[in-house]
C-alpha cells in the first residue's frame, strides 16, 4: 500500500471505527493536532483518544459534520490532503470551511496529523 492509499484507508477506517485497520495504519501513540481555535481543538494521543475526542465529539457537537477531499498528494514522508468541512449546527446553521490535513508517515505507519483550517466560520456556525 502506498502512502496515499494508506491515508485513504485511514479516513475510511476512522469513519467506521475499524480498530483493527487503524492499529495496522497508525502508530499506537499517534499524535493528532487539531487547530487550537477549532471547536474541541488540541492535541490527542493514541487511536482511542482520537476516536473519543475528535470523531465522537464532532458527532455530538454538530448535527452533521463531513469532510470532502479535493486533492491529495505526497512528498517525502508526508501526505497532504486539501478539502472542505461541511457542517450543520444543532441550531440549523450550515457552513463550509476550507482545511488542509498533513500526515507524517514513518516506518509505514501514520505518526502524526496536523490540521489547518478556517476556524472562525465554524464558530460562527455554532453561535
Protein backbone atom coordinates (compact mmCIF):
# COMPACT_ATOMS: atom_id res chain seq x y z
CA UNK A 1 0.00 0.00 0.00
CA UNK A 2 1.47 3.38 -0.96
CA UNK A 3 1.21 6.45 1.29
CA UNK A 4 -1.84 7.93 -0.44
CA UNK A 5 -3.68 4.60 -0.25
CA UNK A 6 -2.73 4.43 3.44
CA UNK A 7 -4.35 7.81 4.13
CA UNK A 8 -7.45 6.93 2.10
CA UNK A 9 -7.74 3.76 4.20
CA UNK A 10 -7.21 5.82 7.37
CA UNK A 11 -10.17 8.11 6.58
CA UNK A 12 -12.35 5.09 5.79
CA UNK A 13 -11.28 3.25 8.95
CA UNK A 14 -11.89 6.19 11.27
CA UNK A 15 -15.34 6.75 9.78
CA UNK A 16 -16.44 3.23 10.74
CA UNK A 17 -14.21 2.97 13.85
CA UNK A 18 -12.37 -0.07 12.48
CA UNK A 19 -9.83 -0.53 15.29
CA UNK A 20 -8.13 -3.46 13.59
CA UNK A 21 -7.39 -1.43 10.47
CA UNK A 22 -6.44 1.66 12.48
CA UNK A 23 -3.94 -0.33 14.54
CA UNK A 24 -2.29 -1.51 11.31
CA UNK A 25 -2.16 2.00 9.80
CA UNK A 26 -1.38 4.22 12.80
CA UNK A 27 1.45 4.29 15.26
CA UNK A 28 -0.01 3.24 18.62
CA UNK A 29 0.84 6.67 20.08
CA UNK A 30 -0.28 8.72 17.07
CA UNK A 31 -0.17 12.46 17.75
CA UNK A 32 -3.31 14.20 16.42
CA UNK A 33 -3.06 18.01 16.31
CA UNK A 34 -6.28 19.93 15.74
CA UNK A 35 -6.05 23.71 15.46
CA UNK A 36 -6.18 25.25 18.94
CA UNK A 37 -9.01 27.52 17.69
CA UNK A 38 -11.01 24.60 16.29
CA UNK A 39 -14.07 23.62 18.38
CA UNK A 40 -12.64 20.93 20.67
CA UNK A 41 -9.16 21.59 19.29
CA UNK A 42 -5.97 20.43 20.89
CA UNK A 43 -3.55 17.52 20.79
CA UNK A 44 -4.79 13.96 21.20
CA UNK A 45 -2.51 10.93 21.56
CA UNK A 46 -3.43 7.38 20.67
CA UNK A 47 -6.11 5.93 18.42
CA UNK A 48 -8.79 5.64 21.11
CA UNK A 49 -8.23 9.24 22.19
CA UNK A 50 -8.70 10.40 18.59
CA UNK A 51 -11.90 8.36 18.25
CA UNK A 52 -13.30 9.71 21.53
CA UNK A 53 -12.10 13.33 21.44
CA UNK A 54 -12.31 14.03 17.71
CA UNK A 55 -14.75 11.75 15.92
CA UNK A 56 -17.25 11.13 18.72
CA UNK A 57 -17.00 14.73 19.94
CA UNK A 58 -17.79 16.04 16.45
CA UNK A 59 -20.82 13.75 16.23
CA UNK A 60 -22.14 15.30 19.43
CA UNK A 61 -21.12 18.90 18.66
CA UNK A 62 -22.66 19.06 15.18
CA UNK A 63 -25.96 17.92 13.70
CA UNK A 64 -23.88 16.88 10.68
CA UNK A 65 -20.14 17.02 10.03
CA UNK A 66 -18.38 15.73 6.94
CA UNK A 67 -15.07 16.15 5.18
CA UNK A 68 -14.72 16.21 1.39
CA UNK A 69 -11.29 15.58 -0.08
CA UNK A 70 -10.37 17.78 -3.05
CA UNK A 71 -6.71 16.96 -3.61
CA UNK A 72 -4.29 14.53 -2.06
CA UNK A 73 -0.57 14.35 -2.70
CA UNK A 74 2.58 13.04 -1.10
CA UNK A 75 6.03 14.43 -0.60
CA UNK A 76 8.85 12.62 1.18
CA UNK A 77 7.34 11.40 4.48
CA UNK A 78 4.15 13.45 4.28
CA UNK A 79 0.73 13.17 2.72
CA UNK A 80 -1.20 16.42 2.32
CA UNK A 81 -4.96 16.49 1.84
CA UNK A 82 -6.85 19.64 0.84
CA UNK A 83 -10.55 19.65 1.43
CA UNK A 84 -13.66 21.16 2.94
CA UNK A 85 -15.58 20.57 6.13
CA UNK A 86 -19.34 20.75 5.54
CA UNK A 87 -21.16 21.22 8.82
CA UNK A 88 -24.58 21.92 10.22
CA UNK A 89 -25.01 23.00 13.83
CA UNK A 90 -27.86 21.93 16.07
CA UNK A 91 -29.31 25.44 15.61
CA UNK A 92 -29.72 24.79 11.87
CA UNK A 93 -26.85 26.97 10.61
CA UNK A 94 -24.70 25.48 7.86
CA UNK A 95 -21.23 26.39 6.64
CA UNK A 96 -18.19 25.17 4.73
CA UNK A 97 -14.62 25.56 5.97
CA UNK A 98 -11.54 25.04 3.84
CA UNK A 99 -8.97 22.83 5.51
CA UNK A 100 -5.67 21.09 4.99
CA UNK A 101 -4.62 17.87 6.70
CA UNK A 102 -0.94 16.94 6.88
CA UNK A 103 0.02 13.39 7.81
CA UNK A 104 3.56 12.37 8.78
CA UNK A 105 4.40 8.77 7.92
CA UNK A 106 7.36 6.92 9.38
CA UNK A 107 8.18 3.20 9.24
CA UNK A 108 4.99 2.58 7.23
CA UNK A 109 2.74 3.97 9.98
CA UNK A 110 0.96 7.29 10.39
CA UNK A 111 2.86 9.07 13.17
CA UNK A 112 1.01 12.39 13.29
CA UNK A 113 -1.80 14.50 11.92
CA UNK A 114 -1.83 18.31 11.68
CA UNK A 115 -4.95 20.28 10.83
CA UNK A 116 -5.03 23.78 9.32
CA UNK A 117 -8.49 25.24 8.88
CA UNK A 118 -10.59 28.39 8.96
CA UNK A 119 -11.97 28.05 12.48
CA UNK A 120 -13.87 31.35 12.52
CA UNK A 121 -16.57 30.15 10.14
CA UNK A 122 -17.09 27.06 12.31
CA UNK A 123 -17.51 29.10 15.49
CA UNK A 124 -19.90 31.44 13.67
CA UNK A 125 -21.99 28.45 12.76
CA UNK A 126 -22.16 27.30 16.39
CA UNK A 127 -23.30 30.66 17.75
